[in-house]
Amino acid sequence: KRLSQQARAIAPKIHEILTKSYQQKDFLS
């Protein structure tokens, strides 16, 4: 609730990056 509108719009990048790393877990150490 403390995030500005602009920050809230990009905050999902956190989960997006973690998800991308998970999708590569079988290929990366």
PDB file of all heavy atoms in Angstrom:
ATOM      1  N   LYS A   1       0.818  -1.209   0.000  1.00  0.00           N
ATOM      2  CA  LYS A   1       0.000   0.000   0.000  1.00  0.00           C
ATOM      3  C   LYS A   1       0.854   1.262   0.000  1.00  0.00           C
ATOM      4  O   LYS A   1       0.368   2.346  -0.337  1.00  0.00           O
ATOM      5  CB  LYS A   1      -0.930   0.000   1.210  1.00  0.00           C
ATOM      6  CG  LYS A   1      -1.936  -1.138   1.215  1.00  0.00           C
ATOM      7  CD  LYS A   1      -2.811  -1.115   2.454  1.00  0.00           C
ATOM      8  CE  LYS A   1      -3.805  -2.276   2.462  1.00  0.00           C
ATOM      9  NZ  LYS A   1      -4.673  -2.282   3.656  1.00  0.00           N
ATOM     10  N   ARG A   2       2.116   1.126   0.369  1.00  0.00           N
ATOM     11  CA  ARG A   2       3.004   2.286   0.425  1.00  0.00           C
ATOM     12  C   ARG A   2       3.677   2.571  -0.914  1.00  0.00           C
ATOM     13  O   ARG A   2       4.337   3.601  -1.071  1.00  0.00           O
ATOM     14  CB  ARG A   2       4.072   2.076   1.496  1.00  0.00           C
ATOM     15  CG  ARG A   2       3.529   2.104   2.924  1.00  0.00           C
ATOM     16  CD  ARG A   2       4.599   1.746   3.942  1.00  0.00           C
ATOM     17  NE  ARG A   2       5.825   2.486   3.739  1.00  0.00           N
ATOM     18  CZ  ARG A   2       6.999   2.165   4.280  1.00  0.00           C
ATOM     19  NH1 ARG A   2       7.089   1.100   5.052  1.00  0.00           N
ATOM     20  NH2 ARG A   2       8.066   2.884   4.047  1.00  0.00           N
ATOM     21  N   LEU A   3       3.523   1.677  -1.871  1.00  0.00           N
ATOM     22  CA  LEU A   3       4.169   1.863  -3.178  1.00  0.00           C
ATOM     23  C   LEU A   3       3.436   2.914  -4.002  1.00  0.00           C
ATOM     24  O   LEU A   3       2.205   2.966  -4.011  1.00  0.00           O
ATOM     25  CB  LEU A   3       4.181   0.542  -3.951  1.00  0.00           C
ATOM     26  CG  LEU A   3       4.999  -0.609  -3.355  1.00  0.00           C
ATOM     27  CD1 LEU A   3       4.712  -1.895  -4.115  1.00  0.00           C
ATOM     28  CD2 LEU A   3       6.489  -0.284  -3.388  1.00  0.00           C
ATOM     29  N   SER A   4       4.206   3.729  -4.710  1.00  0.00           N
ATOM     30  CA  SER A   4       3.596   4.665  -5.655  1.00  0.00           C
ATOM     31  C   SER A   4       2.972   3.871  -6.799  1.00  0.00           C
ATOM     32  O   SER A   4       3.236   2.675  -6.967  1.00  0.00           O
ATOM     33  CB  SER A   4       4.655   5.619  -6.214  1.00  0.00           C
ATOM     34  OG  SER A   4       5.580   4.897  -7.029  1.00  0.00           O
ATOM     35  N   GLN A   5       2.153   4.527  -7.584  1.00  0.00           N
ATOM     36  CA  GLN A   5       1.494   3.843  -8.707  1.00  0.00           C
ATOM     37  C   GLN A   5       2.528   3.271  -9.677  1.00  0.00           C
ATOM     38  O   GLN A   5       2.384   2.150 -10.167  1.00  0.00           O
ATOM     39  CB  GLN A   5       0.580   4.821  -9.448  1.00  0.00           C
ATOM     40  CG  GLN A   5      -0.247   4.178 -10.551  1.00  0.00           C
ATOM     41  CD  GLN A   5      -1.233   5.152 -11.190  1.00  0.00           C
ATOM     42  OE1 GLN A   5      -1.396   6.281 -10.731  1.00  0.00           O
ATOM     43  NE2 GLN A   5      -1.888   4.714 -12.243  1.00  0.00           N
ATOM     44  N   GLN A   6       3.594   4.040  -9.923  1.00  0.00           N
ATOM     45  CA  GLN A   6       4.635   3.588 -10.843  1.00  0.00           C
ATOM     46  C   GLN A   6       5.398   2.389 -10.275  1.00  0.00           C
ATOM     47  O   GLN A   6       5.690   1.424 -10.986  1.00  0.00           O
ATOM     48  CB  GLN A   6       5.621   4.737 -11.152  1.00  0.00           C
ATOM     49  CG  GLN A   6       5.010   5.911 -11.906  1.00  0.00           C
ATOM     50  CD  GLN A   6       4.276   6.895 -10.996  1.00  0.00           C
ATOM     51  OE1 GLN A   6       4.129   6.664  -9.784  1.00  0.00           O
ATOM     52  NE2 GLN A   6       3.797   7.980 -11.579  1.00  0.00           N
ATOM     53  N   ALA A   7       5.697   2.452  -8.980  1.00  0.00           N
ATOM     54  CA  ALA A   7       6.423   1.354  -8.342  1.00  0.00           C
ATOM     55  C   ALA A   7       5.562   0.098  -8.288  1.00  0.00           C
ATOM     56  O   ALA A   7       6.047  -1.018  -8.520  1.00  0.00           O
ATOM     57  CB  ALA A   7       6.865   1.759  -6.946  1.00  0.00           C
ATOM     58  N   ARG A   8       4.285   0.274  -7.990  1.00  0.00           N
ATOM     59  CA  ARG A   8       3.387  -0.886  -7.926  1.00  0.00           C
ATOM     60  C   ARG A   8       3.306  -1.585  -9.288  1.00  0.00           C
ATOM     61  O   ARG A   8       3.175  -2.826  -9.359  1.00  0.00           O
ATOM     62  CB  ARG A   8       1.988  -0.428  -7.471  1.00  0.00           C
ATOM     63  CG  ARG A   8       0.938  -1.550  -7.440  1.00  0.00           C
ATOM     64  CD  ARG A   8       1.314  -2.622  -6.469  1.00  0.00           C
ATOM     65  NE  ARG A   8       0.405  -3.768  -6.526  1.00  0.00           N
ATOM     66  CZ  ARG A   8       0.466  -4.744  -7.421  1.00  0.00           C
ATOM     67  NH1 ARG A   8       1.438  -4.742  -8.347  1.00  0.00           N
ATOM     68  NH2 ARG A   8      -0.382  -5.745  -7.404  1.00  0.00           N
ATOM     69  N   ALA A   9       3.411  -0.808 -10.344  1.00  0.00           N
ATOM     70  CA  ALA A   9       3.319  -1.382 -11.694  1.00  0.00           C
ATOM     71  C   ALA A   9       4.497  -2.295 -12.023  1.00  0.00           C
ATOM     72  O   ALA A   9       4.347  -3.255 -12.786  1.00  0.00           O
ATOM     73  CB  ALA A   9       3.209  -0.263 -12.726  1.00  0.00           C
ATOM     74  N   ILE A  10       5.678  -2.005 -11.439  1.00  0.00           N
ATOM     75  CA  ILE A  10       6.854  -2.828 -11.756  1.00  0.00           C
ATOM     76  C   ILE A  10       7.194  -3.816 -10.646  1.00  0.00           C
ATOM     77  O   ILE A  10       8.042  -4.690 -10.833  1.00  0.00           O
ATOM     78  CB  ILE A  10       8.095  -1.950 -12.061  1.00  0.00           C
ATOM     79  CG1 ILE A  10       8.497  -1.118 -10.834  1.00  0.00           C
ATOM     80  CG2 ILE A  10       7.850  -1.058 -13.269  1.00  0.00           C
ATOM     81  CD1 ILE A  10       9.829  -0.432 -11.007  1.00  0.00           C
ATOM     82  N   ALA A  11       6.520  -3.714  -9.508  1.00  0.00           N
ATOM     83  CA  ALA A  11       6.803  -4.613  -8.381  1.00  0.00           C
ATOM     84  C   ALA A  11       6.665  -6.099  -8.738  1.00  0.00           C
ATOM     85  O   ALA A  11       7.403  -6.932  -8.203  1.00  0.00           O
ATOM     86  CB  ALA A  11       5.899  -4.270  -7.196  1.00  0.00           C
ATOM     87  N   PRO A  12       5.761  -6.476  -9.657  1.00  0.00           N
ATOM     88  CA  PRO A  12       5.652  -7.894 -10.029  1.00  0.00           C
ATOM     89  C   PRO A  12       6.918  -8.473 -10.656  1.00  0.00           C
ATOM     90  O   PRO A  12       7.017  -9.696 -10.812  1.00  0.00           O
ATOM     91  CB  PRO A  12       4.484  -7.910 -11.023  1.00  0.00           C
ATOM     92  CG  PRO A  12       3.663  -6.721 -10.655  1.00  0.00           C
ATOM     93  CD  PRO A  12       4.658  -5.679 -10.241  1.00  0.00           C
ATOM     94  N   LYS A  13       7.871  -7.620 -11.006  1.00  0.00           N
ATOM     95  CA  LYS A  13       9.144  -8.111 -11.550  1.00  0.00           C
ATOM     96  C   LYS A  13       9.832  -9.061 -10.553  1.00  0.00           C
ATOM     97  O   LYS A  13      10.584  -9.944 -10.964  1.00  0.00           O
ATOM     98  CB  LYS A  13      10.078  -6.935 -11.872  1.00  0.00           C
ATOM     99  CG  LYS A  13       9.743  -6.192 -13.149  1.00  0.00           C
ATOM    100  CD  LYS A  13      10.141  -7.015 -14.363  1.00  0.00           C
ATOM    101  CE  LYS A  13       9.920  -6.258 -15.663  1.00  0.00           C
ATOM    102  NZ  LYS A  13      10.243  -7.103 -16.837  1.00  0.00           N
ATOM    103  N   ILE A  14       9.576  -8.858  -9.277  1.00  0.00           N
ATOM    104  CA  ILE A  14      10.205  -9.719  -8.261  1.00  0.00           C
ATOM    105  C   ILE A  14       9.811 -11.171  -8.512  1.00  0.00           C
ATOM    106  O   ILE A  14      10.669 -12.051  -8.664  1.00  0.00           O
ATOM    107  CB  ILE A  14       9.789  -9.285  -6.838  1.00  0.00           C
ATOM    108  CG1 ILE A  14      10.185  -7.833  -6.570  1.00  0.00           C
ATOM    109  CG2 ILE A  14      10.410 -10.218  -5.796  1.00  0.00           C
ATOM    110  CD1 ILE A  14       9.549  -7.249  -5.319  1.00  0.00           C
ATOM    111  N   HIS A  15       8.518 -11.403  -8.577  1.00  0.00           N
ATOM    112  CA  HIS A  15       8.026 -12.771  -8.792  1.00  0.00           C
ATOM    113  C   HIS A  15       8.365 -13.260 -10.200  1.00  0.00           C
ATOM    114  O   HIS A  15       8.684 -14.441 -10.400  1.00  0.00           O
ATOM    115  CB  HIS A  15       6.512 -12.804  -8.580  1.00  0.00           C
ATOM    116  CG  HIS A  15       5.905 -14.160  -8.765  1.00  0.00           C
ATOM    117  ND1 HIS A  15       6.327 -15.263  -8.054  1.00  0.00           N
ATOM    118  CD2 HIS A  15       4.914 -14.599  -9.596  1.00  0.00           C
ATOM    119  CE1 HIS A  15       5.604 -16.322  -8.428  1.00  0.00           C
ATOM    120  NE2 HIS A  15       4.760 -15.953  -9.359  1.00  0.00           N
ATOM    121  N   GLU A  16       8.334 -12.353 -11.154  1.00  0.00           N
ATOM    122  CA  GLU A  16       8.637 -12.719 -12.547  1.00  0.00           C
ATOM    123  C   GLU A  16      10.065 -13.248 -12.679  1.00  0.00           C
ATOM    124  O   GLU A  16      10.314 -14.280 -13.314  1.00  0.00           O
ATOM    125  CB  GLU A  16       8.445 -11.498 -13.447  1.00  0.00           C
ATOM    126  CG  GLU A  16       8.720 -11.752 -14.919  1.00  0.00           C
ATOM    127  CD  GLU A  16       8.578 -10.490 -15.747  1.00  0.00           C
ATOM    128  OE1 GLU A  16       7.625  -9.724 -15.492  1.00  0.00           O
ATOM    129  OE2 GLU A  16       9.417 -10.261 -16.640  1.00  0.00           O
ATOM    130  N   ILE A  17      11.013 -12.564 -12.058  1.00  0.00           N
ATOM    131  CA  ILE A  17      12.415 -12.991 -12.134  1.00  0.00           C
ATOM    132  C   ILE A  17      12.611 -14.318 -11.393  1.00  0.00           C
ATOM    133  O   ILE A  17      13.306 -15.218 -11.883  1.00  0.00           O
ATOM    134  CB  ILE A  17      13.340 -11.889 -11.566  1.00  0.00           C
ATOM    135  CG1 ILE A  17      13.340 -10.683 -12.514  1.00  0.00           C
ATOM    136  CG2 ILE A  17      14.768 -12.419 -11.369  1.00  0.00           C
ATOM    137  CD1 ILE A  17      14.037  -9.449 -11.961  1.00  0.00           C
ATOM    138  N   LEU A  18      11.994 -14.446 -10.223  1.00  0.00           N
ATOM    139  CA  LEU A  18      12.106 -15.704  -9.490  1.00  0.00           C
ATOM    140  C   LEU A  18      11.507 -16.863 -10.288  1.00  0.00           C
ATOM    141  O   LEU A  18      12.052 -17.969 -10.310  1.00  0.00           O
ATOM    142  CB  LEU A  18      11.415 -15.587  -8.129  1.00  0.00           C
ATOM    143  CG  LEU A  18      12.058 -14.650  -7.106  1.00  0.00           C
ATOM    144  CD1 LEU A  18      11.214 -14.602  -5.835  1.00  0.00           C
ATOM    145  CD2 LEU A  18      13.485 -15.068  -6.789  1.00  0.00           C
ATOM    146  N   THR A  19      10.397 -16.605 -10.946  1.00  0.00           N
ATOM    147  CA  THR A  19       9.754 -17.647 -11.749  1.00  0.00           C
ATOM    148  C   THR A  19      10.640 -18.063 -12.921  1.00  0.00           C
ATOM    149  O   THR A  19      10.773 -19.256 -13.232  1.00  0.00           O
ATOM    150  CB  THR A  19       8.391 -17.159 -12.266  1.00  0.00           C
ATOM    151  OG1 THR A  19       7.550 -16.841 -11.149  1.00  0.00           O
ATOM    152  CG2 THR A  19       7.709 -18.232 -13.110  1.00  0.00           C
ATOM    153  N   LYS A  20      11.254 -17.083 -13.568  1.00  0.00           N
ATOM    154  CA  LYS A  20      12.164 -17.394 -14.677  1.00  0.00           C
ATOM    155  C   LYS A  20      13.338 -18.238 -14.201  1.00  0.00           C
ATOM    156  O   LYS A  20      13.771 -19.168 -14.888  1.00  0.00           O
ATOM    157  CB  LYS A  20      12.678 -16.099 -15.316  1.00  0.00           C
ATOM    158  CG  LYS A  20      11.665 -15.383 -16.200  1.00  0.00           C
ATOM    159  CD  LYS A  20      12.278 -14.142 -16.820  1.00  0.00           C
ATOM    160  CE  LYS A  20      11.282 -13.436 -17.741  1.00  0.00           C
ATOM    161  NZ  LYS A  20      11.871 -12.188 -18.308  1.00  0.00           N
ATOM    162  N   SER A  21      13.844 -17.926 -13.018  1.00  0.00           N
ATOM    163  CA  SER A  21      14.963 -18.711 -12.482  1.00  0.00           C
ATOM    164  C   SER A  21      14.507 -20.137 -12.162  1.00  0.00           C
ATOM    165  O   SER A  21      15.244 -21.103 -12.380  1.00  0.00           O
ATOM    166  CB  SER A  21      15.554 -18.042 -11.238  1.00  0.00           C
ATOM    167  OG  SER A  21      14.661 -18.097 -10.145  1.00  0.00           O
ATOM    168  N   TYR A  22      13.284 -20.261 -11.678  1.00  0.00           N
ATOM    169  CA  TYR A  22      12.745 -21.598 -11.377  1.00  0.00           C
ATOM    170  C   TYR A  22      12.603 -22.426 -12.656  1.00  0.00           C
ATOM    171  O   TYR A  22      12.889 -23.632 -12.665  1.00  0.00           O
ATOM    172  CB  TYR A  22      11.387 -21.471 -10.686  1.00  0.00           C
ATOM    173  CG  TYR A  22      10.677 -22.796 -10.523  1.00  0.00           C
ATOM    174  CD1 TYR A  22      11.024 -23.670  -9.498  1.00  0.00           C
ATOM    175  CD2 TYR A  22       9.671 -23.183 -11.408  1.00  0.00           C
ATOM    176  CE1 TYR A  22      10.391 -24.897  -9.354  1.00  0.00           C
ATOM    177  CE2 TYR A  22       9.036 -24.409 -11.279  1.00  0.00           C
ATOM    178  CZ  TYR A  22       9.400 -25.253 -10.246  1.00  0.00           C
ATOM    179  OH  TYR A  22       8.775 -26.475 -10.118  1.00  0.00           O
ATOM    180  N   GLN A  23      12.161 -21.786 -13.712  1.00  0.00           N
ATOM    181  CA  GLN A  23      11.963 -22.496 -14.975  1.00  0.00           C
ATOM    182  C   GLN A  23      13.267 -23.026 -15.559  1.00  0.00           C
ATOM    183  O   GLN A  23      13.243 -23.926 -16.399  1.00  0.00           O
ATOM    184  CB  GLN A  23      11.267 -21.567 -15.983  1.00  0.00           C
ATOM    185  CG  GLN A  23       9.828 -21.238 -15.592  1.00  0.00           C
ATOM    186  CD  GLN A  23       9.233 -20.095 -16.394  1.00  0.00           C
ATOM    187  OE1 GLN A  23       9.957 -19.332 -17.055  1.00  0.00           O
ATOM    188  NE2 GLN A  23       7.919 -19.953 -16.339  1.00  0.00           N
ATOM    189  N   GLN A  24      14.387 -22.490 -15.092  1.00  0.00           N
ATOM    190  CA  GLN A  24      15.698 -22.938 -15.583  1.00  0.00           C
ATOM    191  C   GLN A  24      16.435 -23.828 -14.594  1.00  0.00           C
ATOM    192  O   GLN A  24      17.595 -24.179 -14.809  1.00  0.00           O
ATOM    193  CB  GLN A  24      16.562 -21.709 -15.893  1.00  0.00           C
ATOM    194  CG  GLN A  24      15.959 -20.767 -16.940  1.00  0.00           C
ATOM    195  CD  GLN A  24      16.829 -19.549 -17.165  1.00  0.00           C
ATOM    196  OE1 GLN A  24      17.892 -19.630 -17.771  1.00  0.00           O
ATOM    197  NE2 GLN A  24      16.393 -18.411 -16.653  1.00  0.00           N
ATOM    198  N   LYS A  25      15.751 -24.220 -13.520  1.00  0.00           N
ATOM    199  CA  LYS A  25      16.438 -24.942 -12.441  1.00  0.00           C
ATOM    200  C   LYS A  25      17.033 -26.279 -12.887  1.00  0.00           C
ATOM    201  O   LYS A  25      17.996 -26.760 -12.292  1.00  0.00           O
ATOM    202  CB  LYS A  25      15.495 -25.168 -11.269  1.00  0.00           C
ATOM    203  CG  LYS A  25      14.375 -26.154 -11.516  1.00  0.00           C
ATOM    204  CD  LYS A  25      13.490 -26.282 -10.285  1.00  0.00           C
ATOM    205  CE  LYS A  25      12.335 -27.250 -10.523  1.00  0.00           C
ATOM    206  NZ  LYS A  25      12.792 -28.636 -10.684  1.00  0.00           N
ATOM    207  N   ASP A  26      16.459 -26.884 -13.927  1.00  0.00           N
ATOM    208  CA  ASP A  26      16.976 -28.172 -14.392  1.00  0.00           C
ATOM    209  C   ASP A  26      18.198 -28.026 -15.295  1.00  0.00           C
ATOM    210  O   ASP A  26      18.835 -29.022 -15.650  1.00  0.00           O
ATOM    211  CB  ASP A  26      15.886 -28.944 -15.136  1.00  0.00           C
ATOM    212  CG  ASP A  26      14.742 -29.364 -14.221  1.00  0.00           C
ATOM    213  OD1 ASP A  26      15.006 -29.568 -13.021  1.00  0.00           O
ATOM    214  OD2 ASP A  26      13.592 -29.462 -14.695  1.00  0.00           O
ATOM    215  N   PHE A  27      18.495 -26.784 -15.653  1.00  0.00           N
ATOM    216  CA  PHE A  27      19.615 -26.536 -16.568  1.00  0.00           C
ATOM    217  C   PHE A  27      20.735 -25.734 -15.917  1.00  0.00           C
ATOM    218  O   PHE A  27      21.846 -25.675 -16.436  1.00  0.00           O
ATOM    219  CB  PHE A  27      19.117 -25.784 -17.811  1.00  0.00           C
ATOM    220  CG  PHE A  27      17.900 -26.399 -18.433  1.00  0.00           C
ATOM    221  CD1 PHE A  27      16.650 -25.837 -18.251  1.00  0.00           C
ATOM    222  CD2 PHE A  27      17.997 -27.561 -19.194  1.00  0.00           C
ATOM    223  CE1 PHE A  27      15.519 -26.405 -18.824  1.00  0.00           C
ATOM    224  CE2 PHE A  27      16.873 -28.140 -19.756  1.00  0.00           C
ATOM    225  CZ  PHE A  27      15.627 -27.559 -19.576  1.00  0.00           C
ATOM    226  N   LEU A  28      20.427 -25.104 -14.771  1.00  0.00           N
ATOM    227  CA  LEU A  28      21.411 -24.255 -14.099  1.00  0.00           C
ATOM    228  C   LEU A  28      21.806 -24.836 -12.750  1.00  0.00           C
ATOM    229  O   LEU A  28      20.984 -25.453 -12.065  1.00  0.00           O
ATOM    230  CB  LEU A  28      20.840 -22.845 -13.879  1.00  0.00           C
ATOM    231  CG  LEU A  28      20.414 -22.048 -15.115  1.00  0.00           C
ATOM    232  CD1 LEU A  28      19.858 -20.692 -14.672  1.00  0.00           C
ATOM    233  CD2 LEU A  28      21.567 -21.864 -16.082  1.00  0.00           C
ATOM    234  N   SER A  29      23.049 -24.617 -12.355  1.00  0.00           N
ATOM    235  CA  SER A  29      23.472 -24.967 -10.999  1.00  0.00           C
ATOM    236  C   SER A  29      22.900 -23.917 -10.047  1.00  0.00           C
ATOM    237  O   SER A  29      22.401 -22.863 -10.470  1.00  0.00           O
ATOM    238  CB  SER A  29      24.999 -24.962 -10.918  1.00  0.00           C
ATOM    239  OG  SER A  29      25.496 -23.638 -11.096  1.00  0.00           O
TER     240      SER A  29
END
